N, C-alpha and C. Protein backbone atom coordinates (compact mmCIF):
# COMPACT_ATOMS: atom_id res chain seq x y z
N MET A 1 -15.60 -2.61 5.35
CA MET A 1 -14.91 -1.33 5.51
C MET A 1 -15.70 -0.25 4.80
N ASN A 2 -15.81 0.94 5.42
CA ASN A 2 -16.54 2.03 4.80
C ASN A 2 -15.65 3.26 4.69
N VAL A 3 -16.16 4.24 3.97
CA VAL A 3 -15.34 5.41 3.69
C VAL A 3 -14.97 6.17 4.96
N MET A 4 -15.81 6.10 6.00
CA MET A 4 -15.49 6.81 7.23
C MET A 4 -14.27 6.21 7.91
N ASP A 5 -14.01 4.92 7.70
CA ASP A 5 -12.81 4.29 8.25
C ASP A 5 -11.55 4.86 7.59
N LEU A 6 -11.71 5.35 6.35
CA LEU A 6 -10.56 5.80 5.57
C LEU A 6 -10.41 7.31 5.54
N ALA A 7 -11.45 8.05 5.94
CA ALA A 7 -11.42 9.51 5.89
C ALA A 7 -10.70 10.09 7.09
N ARG A 8 -9.49 9.60 7.32
CA ARG A 8 -8.65 10.02 8.43
C ARG A 8 -7.22 10.21 7.89
N PRO A 9 -6.35 10.85 8.64
CA PRO A 9 -4.95 10.99 8.20
C PRO A 9 -4.33 9.62 7.92
N ALA A 10 -3.42 9.58 6.97
CA ALA A 10 -2.81 8.32 6.54
C ALA A 10 -2.17 7.56 7.68
N GLU A 11 -1.52 8.26 8.61
CA GLU A 11 -0.83 7.57 9.70
C GLU A 11 -1.81 6.92 10.68
N GLU A 12 -3.07 7.36 10.67
CA GLU A 12 -4.08 6.71 11.49
C GLU A 12 -4.70 5.51 10.76
N VAL A 13 -4.84 5.64 9.46
CA VAL A 13 -5.47 4.57 8.68
C VAL A 13 -4.51 3.40 8.45
N ALA A 14 -3.22 3.68 8.28
CA ALA A 14 -2.25 2.65 7.92
C ALA A 14 -2.29 1.43 8.84
N PRO A 15 -2.27 1.58 10.17
CA PRO A 15 -2.34 0.37 11.02
C PRO A 15 -3.69 -0.31 10.96
N ARG A 16 -4.76 0.46 10.68
CA ARG A 16 -6.10 -0.11 10.59
C ARG A 16 -6.25 -1.00 9.36
N LEU A 17 -5.42 -0.77 8.35
CA LEU A 17 -5.51 -1.57 7.13
C LEU A 17 -4.84 -2.94 7.27
N LEU A 18 -4.06 -3.13 8.31
CA LEU A 18 -3.45 -4.44 8.53
C LEU A 18 -4.56 -5.45 8.79
N GLY A 19 -4.55 -6.53 8.03
CA GLY A 19 -5.59 -7.54 8.15
C GLY A 19 -6.74 -7.33 7.18
N ALA A 20 -6.86 -6.12 6.60
CA ALA A 20 -7.87 -5.88 5.57
C ALA A 20 -7.50 -6.65 4.31
N VAL A 21 -8.46 -6.83 3.41
CA VAL A 21 -8.25 -7.68 2.24
C VAL A 21 -8.44 -6.89 0.95
N LEU A 22 -7.44 -6.96 0.07
CA LEU A 22 -7.54 -6.43 -1.29
C LEU A 22 -7.85 -7.58 -2.23
N THR A 23 -8.88 -7.40 -3.05
CA THR A 23 -9.31 -8.45 -3.97
C THR A 23 -9.40 -7.90 -5.38
N HIS A 24 -8.95 -8.69 -6.35
CA HIS A 24 -9.10 -8.32 -7.76
C HIS A 24 -9.73 -9.49 -8.51
N GLU A 25 -10.92 -9.25 -9.05
CA GLU A 25 -11.63 -10.26 -9.84
C GLU A 25 -11.39 -9.98 -11.31
N THR A 26 -10.93 -10.99 -12.05
CA THR A 26 -10.66 -10.87 -13.48
C THR A 26 -11.19 -12.10 -14.18
N PRO A 27 -11.27 -12.07 -15.52
CA PRO A 27 -11.68 -13.28 -16.25
C PRO A 27 -10.77 -14.47 -15.98
N GLU A 28 -9.52 -14.21 -15.61
CA GLU A 28 -8.58 -15.30 -15.28
C GLU A 28 -8.94 -15.97 -13.96
N GLY A 29 -9.54 -15.20 -13.06
CA GLY A 29 -9.85 -15.70 -11.73
C GLY A 29 -9.71 -14.58 -10.71
N THR A 30 -9.84 -14.94 -9.46
CA THR A 30 -9.81 -13.96 -8.37
C THR A 30 -8.59 -14.19 -7.49
N VAL A 31 -7.93 -13.09 -7.14
CA VAL A 31 -6.84 -13.13 -6.16
C VAL A 31 -7.20 -12.19 -5.02
N SER A 32 -7.08 -12.68 -3.80
CA SER A 32 -7.30 -11.86 -2.60
C SER A 32 -6.06 -11.91 -1.73
N ILE A 33 -5.71 -10.75 -1.18
CA ILE A 33 -4.50 -10.63 -0.36
C ILE A 33 -4.83 -9.95 0.96
N SER A 34 -4.47 -10.59 2.06
CA SER A 34 -4.61 -10.00 3.38
C SER A 34 -3.39 -9.12 3.65
N ILE A 35 -3.61 -7.86 3.96
CA ILE A 35 -2.53 -6.88 4.08
C ILE A 35 -1.74 -7.09 5.38
N THR A 36 -0.42 -7.15 5.25
CA THR A 36 0.45 -7.35 6.41
C THR A 36 1.43 -6.22 6.65
N GLU A 37 1.52 -5.28 5.70
CA GLU A 37 2.50 -4.19 5.84
C GLU A 37 2.01 -2.98 5.07
N THR A 38 2.08 -1.80 5.70
CA THR A 38 1.64 -0.55 5.07
C THR A 38 2.61 0.58 5.40
N GLU A 39 2.52 1.66 4.62
CA GLU A 39 3.27 2.88 4.91
C GLU A 39 2.36 4.08 4.66
N ALA A 40 2.42 5.05 5.56
CA ALA A 40 1.58 6.25 5.46
C ALA A 40 2.34 7.38 4.78
N TYR A 41 1.65 8.09 3.88
CA TYR A 41 2.20 9.26 3.20
C TYR A 41 1.17 10.38 3.20
N SER A 42 1.58 11.54 3.68
CA SER A 42 0.70 12.70 3.70
C SER A 42 0.96 13.56 2.47
N GLY A 43 0.69 14.84 2.56
CA GLY A 43 0.85 15.71 1.41
C GLY A 43 1.92 16.76 1.61
N ALA A 44 1.50 18.01 1.79
CA ALA A 44 2.43 19.14 1.82
C ALA A 44 3.38 19.10 3.00
N THR A 45 3.06 18.33 4.05
CA THR A 45 3.93 18.27 5.22
C THR A 45 4.89 17.08 5.19
N ASP A 46 4.83 16.28 4.13
CA ASP A 46 5.60 15.04 4.07
C ASP A 46 6.56 15.07 2.87
N PRO A 47 7.86 15.33 3.10
CA PRO A 47 8.82 15.44 2.00
C PRO A 47 8.95 14.18 1.15
N ALA A 48 8.55 13.00 1.69
CA ALA A 48 8.66 11.76 0.94
C ALA A 48 7.42 11.48 0.08
N SER A 49 6.39 12.31 0.22
CA SER A 49 5.13 12.09 -0.48
C SER A 49 5.19 12.61 -1.92
N HIS A 50 4.49 11.93 -2.82
CA HIS A 50 4.36 12.40 -4.20
C HIS A 50 3.63 13.73 -4.25
N ALA A 51 2.85 14.05 -3.21
CA ALA A 51 2.04 15.26 -3.21
C ALA A 51 2.70 16.42 -2.46
N TYR A 52 3.95 16.27 -2.11
CA TYR A 52 4.65 17.28 -1.30
C TYR A 52 4.66 18.65 -1.97
N ARG A 53 4.79 18.66 -3.29
CA ARG A 53 4.87 19.93 -4.02
C ARG A 53 3.55 20.30 -4.69
N GLY A 54 2.47 19.64 -4.29
CA GLY A 54 1.16 20.00 -4.82
C GLY A 54 0.62 19.00 -5.82
N MET A 55 -0.55 19.31 -6.35
CA MET A 55 -1.24 18.39 -7.25
C MET A 55 -0.65 18.43 -8.65
N THR A 56 -0.51 17.24 -9.24
CA THR A 56 -0.09 17.07 -10.62
C THR A 56 -1.01 16.04 -11.27
N PRO A 57 -0.96 15.90 -12.59
CA PRO A 57 -1.77 14.84 -13.21
C PRO A 57 -1.46 13.46 -12.65
N ARG A 58 -0.20 13.23 -12.27
CA ARG A 58 0.19 11.93 -11.76
C ARG A 58 -0.43 11.63 -10.40
N ASN A 59 -0.43 12.62 -9.49
CA ASN A 59 -0.82 12.35 -8.12
C ASN A 59 -2.23 12.82 -7.77
N ALA A 60 -3.00 13.27 -8.74
CA ALA A 60 -4.31 13.88 -8.48
C ALA A 60 -5.22 12.99 -7.63
N VAL A 61 -5.15 11.68 -7.84
CA VAL A 61 -6.02 10.76 -7.10
C VAL A 61 -5.75 10.85 -5.60
N MET A 62 -4.52 11.17 -5.22
CA MET A 62 -4.15 11.27 -3.79
C MET A 62 -4.96 12.32 -3.05
N PHE A 63 -5.51 13.29 -3.78
CA PHE A 63 -6.22 14.40 -3.16
C PHE A 63 -7.69 14.08 -2.87
N GLY A 64 -8.06 12.84 -3.04
CA GLY A 64 -9.40 12.41 -2.64
C GLY A 64 -10.33 12.21 -3.81
N PRO A 65 -11.47 11.61 -3.49
CA PRO A 65 -11.96 11.26 -2.17
C PRO A 65 -11.31 9.98 -1.62
N ALA A 66 -11.50 9.76 -0.32
CA ALA A 66 -10.95 8.57 0.33
C ALA A 66 -11.61 7.32 -0.24
N GLY A 67 -10.84 6.22 -0.18
CA GLY A 67 -11.37 4.94 -0.63
C GLY A 67 -11.06 4.60 -2.07
N HIS A 68 -10.35 5.49 -2.75
CA HIS A 68 -9.97 5.22 -4.13
C HIS A 68 -8.54 4.66 -4.18
N LEU A 69 -8.19 4.07 -5.30
CA LEU A 69 -6.88 3.44 -5.47
C LEU A 69 -5.95 4.38 -6.25
N TYR A 70 -4.80 4.66 -5.67
CA TYR A 70 -3.77 5.44 -6.34
C TYR A 70 -2.66 4.49 -6.76
N VAL A 71 -2.45 4.36 -8.07
CA VAL A 71 -1.45 3.43 -8.61
C VAL A 71 -0.39 4.23 -9.35
N TYR A 72 0.87 3.97 -9.05
CA TYR A 72 1.97 4.62 -9.75
C TYR A 72 3.07 3.60 -10.05
N ARG A 73 3.93 3.95 -10.99
CA ARG A 73 5.05 3.08 -11.33
C ARG A 73 6.29 3.54 -10.59
N SER A 74 6.94 2.62 -9.91
CA SER A 74 8.14 2.92 -9.13
C SER A 74 9.39 2.61 -9.93
N HIS A 75 10.26 3.61 -10.06
CA HIS A 75 11.54 3.46 -10.76
C HIS A 75 11.35 2.92 -12.18
N GLY A 76 10.19 3.17 -12.76
CA GLY A 76 9.93 2.73 -14.12
C GLY A 76 9.78 1.23 -14.28
N LEU A 77 9.66 0.51 -13.15
CA LEU A 77 9.65 -0.95 -13.20
C LEU A 77 8.38 -1.58 -12.66
N HIS A 78 7.94 -1.15 -11.47
CA HIS A 78 6.89 -1.87 -10.76
C HIS A 78 5.71 -0.95 -10.45
N TRP A 79 4.51 -1.51 -10.52
CA TRP A 79 3.33 -0.78 -10.08
C TRP A 79 3.20 -0.88 -8.57
N CYS A 80 2.73 0.20 -7.94
CA CYS A 80 2.52 0.23 -6.50
C CYS A 80 1.10 0.70 -6.23
N ALA A 81 0.43 0.06 -5.27
CA ALA A 81 -0.97 0.35 -4.95
C ALA A 81 -1.07 1.09 -3.62
N ASN A 82 -1.86 2.15 -3.62
CA ASN A 82 -2.09 2.96 -2.43
C ASN A 82 -3.58 3.15 -2.21
N VAL A 83 -3.99 3.12 -0.96
CA VAL A 83 -5.38 3.42 -0.60
C VAL A 83 -5.44 4.89 -0.21
N VAL A 84 -6.25 5.66 -0.92
CA VAL A 84 -6.39 7.09 -0.63
C VAL A 84 -7.18 7.26 0.67
N THR A 85 -6.69 8.16 1.52
CA THR A 85 -7.30 8.39 2.83
C THR A 85 -7.57 9.89 3.01
N GLY A 86 -7.99 10.26 4.20
CA GLY A 86 -8.15 11.67 4.52
C GLY A 86 -9.40 12.30 3.93
N THR A 87 -9.43 13.64 4.00
CA THR A 87 -10.58 14.39 3.51
C THR A 87 -10.37 14.81 2.07
N ASP A 88 -11.47 14.95 1.34
CA ASP A 88 -11.41 15.32 -0.06
C ASP A 88 -10.71 16.66 -0.21
N GLY A 89 -9.71 16.73 -1.10
CA GLY A 89 -8.96 17.95 -1.34
C GLY A 89 -7.64 18.01 -0.62
N THR A 90 -7.41 17.08 0.31
CA THR A 90 -6.14 17.03 1.05
C THR A 90 -5.43 15.73 0.73
N ALA A 91 -4.20 15.81 0.22
CA ALA A 91 -3.48 14.61 -0.20
C ALA A 91 -3.12 13.72 0.98
N SER A 92 -3.42 12.44 0.85
CA SER A 92 -3.14 11.47 1.91
C SER A 92 -3.37 10.08 1.35
N ALA A 93 -2.43 9.18 1.55
CA ALA A 93 -2.59 7.82 1.03
C ALA A 93 -1.71 6.84 1.80
N VAL A 94 -2.11 5.58 1.75
CA VAL A 94 -1.36 4.51 2.41
C VAL A 94 -0.87 3.53 1.37
N LEU A 95 0.43 3.36 1.29
CA LEU A 95 1.03 2.37 0.39
C LEU A 95 0.84 0.98 0.98
N VAL A 96 0.33 0.07 0.16
CA VAL A 96 0.21 -1.33 0.58
C VAL A 96 1.51 -2.02 0.20
N ARG A 97 2.34 -2.29 1.22
CA ARG A 97 3.69 -2.80 0.97
C ARG A 97 3.76 -4.31 0.81
N ALA A 98 2.92 -5.04 1.52
CA ALA A 98 3.03 -6.50 1.47
C ALA A 98 1.75 -7.14 1.98
N GLY A 99 1.59 -8.42 1.63
CA GLY A 99 0.42 -9.14 2.10
C GLY A 99 0.56 -10.64 1.91
N ARG A 100 -0.46 -11.35 2.38
CA ARG A 100 -0.50 -12.81 2.28
C ARG A 100 -1.63 -13.20 1.33
N VAL A 101 -1.32 -13.99 0.32
CA VAL A 101 -2.34 -14.44 -0.63
C VAL A 101 -3.25 -15.43 0.07
N ILE A 102 -4.55 -15.13 0.13
CA ILE A 102 -5.51 -16.01 0.81
C ILE A 102 -6.52 -16.61 -0.17
N GLU A 103 -6.48 -16.17 -1.42
CA GLU A 103 -7.32 -16.75 -2.46
C GLU A 103 -6.61 -16.57 -3.80
N GLY A 104 -6.66 -17.60 -4.64
CA GLY A 104 -6.08 -17.51 -5.97
C GLY A 104 -4.57 -17.64 -6.01
N GLU A 105 -4.01 -18.48 -5.15
CA GLU A 105 -2.55 -18.59 -5.07
C GLU A 105 -1.93 -19.06 -6.38
N ASP A 106 -2.58 -20.00 -7.07
CA ASP A 106 -2.04 -20.49 -8.34
C ASP A 106 -1.96 -19.37 -9.38
N LEU A 107 -3.01 -18.55 -9.45
CA LEU A 107 -3.01 -17.43 -10.40
C LEU A 107 -1.97 -16.40 -10.01
N ALA A 108 -1.86 -16.10 -8.72
CA ALA A 108 -0.85 -15.15 -8.26
C ALA A 108 0.56 -15.65 -8.62
N ARG A 109 0.78 -16.95 -8.47
CA ARG A 109 2.09 -17.53 -8.78
C ARG A 109 2.39 -17.40 -10.27
N ARG A 110 1.40 -17.65 -11.12
CA ARG A 110 1.61 -17.51 -12.57
C ARG A 110 1.95 -16.07 -12.92
N ARG A 111 1.25 -15.15 -12.32
CA ARG A 111 1.53 -13.73 -12.60
C ARG A 111 2.92 -13.32 -12.15
N ARG A 112 3.43 -14.00 -11.15
CA ARG A 112 4.77 -13.71 -10.63
C ARG A 112 5.84 -14.51 -11.35
N GLY A 113 5.48 -15.16 -12.44
CA GLY A 113 6.46 -15.87 -13.25
C GLY A 113 6.63 -17.32 -12.92
N GLY A 114 5.85 -17.83 -11.96
CA GLY A 114 5.89 -19.25 -11.66
C GLY A 114 6.98 -19.69 -10.71
N THR A 115 7.80 -18.76 -10.23
CA THR A 115 8.92 -19.15 -9.37
C THR A 115 8.71 -18.75 -7.91
N ALA A 116 7.96 -17.67 -7.66
CA ALA A 116 7.73 -17.22 -6.29
C ALA A 116 6.79 -18.17 -5.57
N GLU A 117 7.03 -18.38 -4.30
CA GLU A 117 6.22 -19.30 -3.51
C GLU A 117 5.79 -18.65 -2.20
N GLY A 118 4.66 -19.09 -1.68
CA GLY A 118 4.21 -18.77 -0.34
C GLY A 118 4.37 -17.32 0.06
N ALA A 119 5.20 -17.09 1.07
CA ALA A 119 5.35 -15.76 1.64
C ALA A 119 5.93 -14.75 0.67
N ARG A 120 6.59 -15.19 -0.38
CA ARG A 120 7.24 -14.28 -1.33
C ARG A 120 6.29 -13.78 -2.42
N LEU A 121 5.11 -14.36 -2.53
CA LEU A 121 4.20 -14.01 -3.63
C LEU A 121 3.83 -12.53 -3.63
N ALA A 122 3.57 -11.95 -2.47
CA ALA A 122 3.14 -10.55 -2.40
C ALA A 122 3.96 -9.77 -1.39
N ARG A 123 5.24 -10.13 -1.28
CA ARG A 123 6.15 -9.42 -0.37
C ARG A 123 6.80 -8.28 -1.15
N GLY A 124 6.51 -7.06 -0.74
CA GLY A 124 6.98 -5.88 -1.46
C GLY A 124 5.88 -5.33 -2.35
N PRO A 125 5.79 -4.00 -2.48
CA PRO A 125 4.66 -3.39 -3.21
C PRO A 125 4.57 -3.77 -4.68
N GLY A 126 5.72 -3.93 -5.34
CA GLY A 126 5.69 -4.33 -6.75
C GLY A 126 5.21 -5.75 -6.93
N ASN A 127 5.68 -6.65 -6.09
CA ASN A 127 5.25 -8.05 -6.16
C ASN A 127 3.77 -8.18 -5.83
N LEU A 128 3.30 -7.37 -4.86
CA LEU A 128 1.89 -7.42 -4.49
C LEU A 128 1.00 -7.03 -5.67
N CYS A 129 1.36 -5.94 -6.35
CA CYS A 129 0.56 -5.52 -7.51
C CYS A 129 0.62 -6.55 -8.63
N GLN A 130 1.77 -7.14 -8.83
CA GLN A 130 1.90 -8.16 -9.87
C GLN A 130 1.03 -9.37 -9.55
N ALA A 131 1.04 -9.80 -8.31
CA ALA A 131 0.23 -10.94 -7.90
C ALA A 131 -1.26 -10.65 -8.06
N LEU A 132 -1.66 -9.42 -7.76
CA LEU A 132 -3.06 -9.03 -7.89
C LEU A 132 -3.47 -8.75 -9.33
N GLY A 133 -2.49 -8.43 -10.17
CA GLY A 133 -2.81 -8.02 -11.54
C GLY A 133 -3.27 -6.58 -11.60
N VAL A 134 -2.79 -5.75 -10.67
CA VAL A 134 -3.14 -4.34 -10.63
C VAL A 134 -2.10 -3.53 -11.40
N THR A 135 -2.58 -2.65 -12.29
CA THR A 135 -1.71 -1.81 -13.11
C THR A 135 -2.29 -0.39 -13.18
N ALA A 136 -1.72 0.44 -14.05
CA ALA A 136 -2.16 1.83 -14.19
C ALA A 136 -3.63 1.94 -14.55
N GLU A 137 -4.18 0.94 -15.22
CA GLU A 137 -5.58 1.03 -15.63
C GLU A 137 -6.53 1.05 -14.43
N HIS A 138 -6.03 0.66 -13.25
CA HIS A 138 -6.87 0.64 -12.05
C HIS A 138 -6.71 1.91 -11.21
N ASN A 139 -5.87 2.84 -11.67
CA ASN A 139 -5.70 4.09 -10.94
C ASN A 139 -7.03 4.83 -10.86
N GLY A 140 -7.40 5.25 -9.66
CA GLY A 140 -8.65 5.97 -9.46
C GLY A 140 -9.84 5.09 -9.15
N THR A 141 -9.67 3.77 -9.16
CA THR A 141 -10.78 2.85 -8.87
C THR A 141 -11.34 3.10 -7.47
N ASP A 142 -12.65 3.11 -7.37
CA ASP A 142 -13.31 3.22 -6.07
C ASP A 142 -13.33 1.83 -5.44
N LEU A 143 -12.53 1.66 -4.39
CA LEU A 143 -12.37 0.35 -3.76
C LEU A 143 -13.58 -0.09 -2.96
N LEU A 144 -14.50 0.82 -2.72
CA LEU A 144 -15.66 0.52 -1.87
C LEU A 144 -16.95 0.45 -2.66
N ALA A 145 -16.86 0.48 -4.00
CA ALA A 145 -18.06 0.57 -4.83
C ALA A 145 -18.42 -0.73 -5.51
N GLY A 146 -17.80 -1.83 -5.11
CA GLY A 146 -18.13 -3.11 -5.71
C GLY A 146 -17.55 -3.32 -7.09
N THR A 147 -16.44 -2.65 -7.39
CA THR A 147 -15.77 -2.83 -8.68
C THR A 147 -14.88 -4.08 -8.64
N SER A 148 -14.17 -4.32 -9.72
CA SER A 148 -13.35 -5.54 -9.80
C SER A 148 -12.21 -5.54 -8.79
N VAL A 149 -11.74 -4.36 -8.39
CA VAL A 149 -10.73 -4.25 -7.33
C VAL A 149 -11.42 -3.69 -6.10
N ALA A 150 -11.36 -4.42 -5.00
CA ALA A 150 -12.13 -4.03 -3.81
C ALA A 150 -11.33 -4.20 -2.54
N LEU A 151 -11.66 -3.37 -1.56
CA LEU A 151 -11.07 -3.44 -0.23
C LEU A 151 -12.16 -3.83 0.76
N SER A 152 -11.88 -4.82 1.59
CA SER A 152 -12.89 -5.28 2.54
C SER A 152 -12.26 -5.58 3.90
N GLU A 153 -13.11 -5.70 4.89
CA GLU A 153 -12.65 -6.07 6.23
C GLU A 153 -12.09 -7.49 6.22
N GLY A 154 -11.09 -7.73 7.03
CA GLY A 154 -10.55 -9.07 7.20
C GLY A 154 -10.62 -9.47 8.66
N GLU A 155 -9.79 -10.41 9.03
CA GLU A 155 -9.71 -10.83 10.42
C GLU A 155 -9.09 -9.71 11.26
N PRO A 156 -9.67 -9.38 12.41
CA PRO A 156 -9.09 -8.34 13.27
C PRO A 156 -7.66 -8.69 13.68
N VAL A 157 -6.81 -7.68 13.73
CA VAL A 157 -5.42 -7.87 14.11
C VAL A 157 -5.22 -7.34 15.53
N PRO A 158 -4.77 -8.16 16.46
CA PRO A 158 -4.51 -7.69 17.82
C PRO A 158 -3.45 -6.59 17.83
N ALA A 159 -3.68 -5.56 18.61
CA ALA A 159 -2.74 -4.44 18.67
C ALA A 159 -1.33 -4.90 19.06
N ALA A 160 -1.25 -5.96 19.85
CA ALA A 160 0.06 -6.46 20.30
C ALA A 160 0.91 -6.98 19.16
N LEU A 161 0.31 -7.29 18.02
CA LEU A 161 1.06 -7.82 16.88
C LEU A 161 1.55 -6.73 15.93
N ILE A 162 1.10 -5.50 16.14
CA ILE A 162 1.46 -4.42 15.22
C ILE A 162 2.76 -3.76 15.65
N ARG A 163 3.68 -3.65 14.70
CA ARG A 163 4.95 -2.98 14.93
C ARG A 163 5.02 -1.72 14.07
N VAL A 164 5.82 -0.76 14.53
CA VAL A 164 5.96 0.53 13.85
C VAL A 164 7.43 0.79 13.62
N GLY A 165 7.76 1.36 12.45
CA GLY A 165 9.15 1.67 12.16
C GLY A 165 9.27 2.66 11.02
N PRO A 166 10.50 3.01 10.64
CA PRO A 166 10.71 3.97 9.54
C PRO A 166 10.33 3.36 8.20
N ARG A 167 10.00 4.22 7.26
CA ARG A 167 9.60 3.77 5.93
C ARG A 167 10.79 3.22 5.16
N VAL A 168 10.50 2.36 4.21
CA VAL A 168 11.54 1.62 3.48
C VAL A 168 11.96 2.36 2.21
N GLY A 169 13.27 2.55 2.03
CA GLY A 169 13.80 2.98 0.75
C GLY A 169 13.57 4.42 0.35
N VAL A 170 13.02 5.27 1.24
CA VAL A 170 12.82 6.67 0.87
C VAL A 170 14.04 7.49 1.29
N SER A 171 14.35 8.53 0.51
CA SER A 171 15.53 9.32 0.80
C SER A 171 15.22 10.53 1.67
N LYS A 172 13.95 10.98 1.69
CA LYS A 172 13.55 12.12 2.50
C LYS A 172 12.61 11.66 3.60
N ALA A 173 12.73 12.29 4.77
CA ALA A 173 11.92 11.90 5.92
C ALA A 173 11.99 10.39 6.15
N HIS A 174 13.17 9.82 5.92
CA HIS A 174 13.35 8.37 6.00
C HIS A 174 13.24 7.84 7.42
N ASP A 175 13.38 8.76 8.40
CA ASP A 175 13.31 8.31 9.79
C ASP A 175 11.92 8.45 10.39
N TRP A 176 10.95 8.90 9.61
CA TRP A 176 9.58 8.99 10.12
C TRP A 176 9.04 7.58 10.33
N GLU A 177 8.48 7.33 11.49
CA GLU A 177 7.97 6.00 11.79
C GLU A 177 6.52 5.87 11.32
N HIS A 178 6.39 5.77 10.01
CA HIS A 178 5.08 5.67 9.37
C HIS A 178 4.90 4.34 8.64
N ARG A 179 5.69 3.36 9.01
CA ARG A 179 5.55 2.01 8.47
C ARG A 179 4.96 1.12 9.56
N PHE A 180 3.94 0.35 9.17
CA PHE A 180 3.24 -0.52 10.12
C PHE A 180 3.22 -1.93 9.56
N TYR A 181 3.47 -2.92 10.41
CA TYR A 181 3.55 -4.29 9.92
C TYR A 181 3.27 -5.28 11.04
N LEU A 182 2.99 -6.52 10.64
CA LEU A 182 2.70 -7.57 11.60
C LEU A 182 3.99 -8.22 12.07
N ALA A 183 4.17 -8.27 13.37
CA ALA A 183 5.39 -8.82 13.96
C ALA A 183 5.57 -10.27 13.57
N GLY A 184 6.78 -10.61 13.09
CA GLY A 184 7.14 -11.98 12.80
C GLY A 184 6.47 -12.59 11.58
N ASP A 185 5.73 -11.79 10.82
CA ASP A 185 5.04 -12.35 9.65
C ASP A 185 6.04 -12.50 8.49
N PRO A 186 6.15 -13.68 7.88
CA PRO A 186 7.15 -13.89 6.84
C PRO A 186 6.87 -13.15 5.53
N THR A 187 5.66 -12.61 5.38
CA THR A 187 5.36 -11.88 4.14
C THR A 187 5.85 -10.44 4.20
N VAL A 188 6.20 -9.94 5.37
CA VAL A 188 6.62 -8.55 5.51
C VAL A 188 7.99 -8.36 4.85
N SER A 189 8.14 -7.26 4.12
CA SER A 189 9.40 -7.00 3.42
C SER A 189 10.50 -6.57 4.39
N ALA A 190 11.73 -6.78 3.99
CA ALA A 190 12.87 -6.42 4.84
C ALA A 190 13.07 -4.91 4.83
N TYR A 191 13.48 -4.37 5.97
CA TYR A 191 13.76 -2.93 6.03
C TYR A 191 15.03 -2.63 5.25
N ARG A 192 14.97 -1.55 4.45
CA ARG A 192 16.14 -1.13 3.67
C ARG A 192 16.22 0.39 3.69
N LEU A 193 17.34 0.92 4.16
CA LEU A 193 17.57 2.36 4.16
C LEU A 193 18.04 2.78 2.78
N SER A 194 17.45 3.81 2.23
CA SER A 194 17.86 4.29 0.91
C SER A 194 19.31 4.77 0.95
N PRO A 195 20.10 4.42 -0.06
CA PRO A 195 21.48 4.91 -0.10
C PRO A 195 21.55 6.42 -0.29
N ARG A 196 20.42 7.02 -0.70
CA ARG A 196 20.37 8.47 -0.90
C ARG A 196 19.90 9.22 0.35
N ALA A 197 19.57 8.48 1.40
CA ALA A 197 19.10 9.10 2.64
C ALA A 197 20.23 9.87 3.30
N ARG A 198 19.89 11.02 3.82
CA ARG A 198 20.88 11.86 4.50
C ARG A 198 20.41 12.17 5.92
N PRO A 199 21.32 12.20 6.90
CA PRO A 199 20.91 12.57 8.26
C PRO A 199 20.48 14.03 8.31
N PRO A 200 19.64 14.39 9.28
CA PRO A 200 19.21 15.79 9.41
C PRO A 200 20.40 16.71 9.61
N ARG A 201 20.29 17.97 9.19
CA ARG A 201 21.37 18.94 9.38
C ARG A 201 21.65 19.14 10.87
N GLY A 202 22.93 19.28 11.16
CA GLY A 202 23.31 19.50 12.55
C GLY A 202 23.60 18.22 13.32
N THR A 203 23.48 17.04 12.64
CA THR A 203 23.75 15.79 13.33
C THR A 203 25.04 15.19 12.80
């Protein structure tokens, strides 16, 4: 995978990341995860995006360049990993929601507390980061520069297997179909509508 593959709007990159591989090499060992579910987030035009109201110290990585890792803590509990996309200076990123562990399953299981198995190891963005061992210290990492956290091409995914739907758990723009996932894959997280979501005015 090269930066030109990622220098596109998030909603174009998100389905292309299905089947790509995130790898983290550490002294403990290596864990690699094949991506099975993603969500696209833009900037000023996307009310659900962290960058909707402009650049802050927290979201600065979202503004480019493409190919870097944007890591944030969700609800003060879990780390979430995003691949920065688009052109430099314009906020755009793809949340990696779920994946299948294809290397380092024993290490991923230990990081998940020893109880999660198989499809549950990296189902959901928080579990995925925990299995990979990705935290705030990896925010801003260049995924294409041969660092310890890397993004690479995986097995091609047939277009017929890709499904599209609304994003999970967001309260704004919750009906935007910017979630992409592999049909019937057991690692894909369940759809959940945020209890704070409100229907559009006039409906």
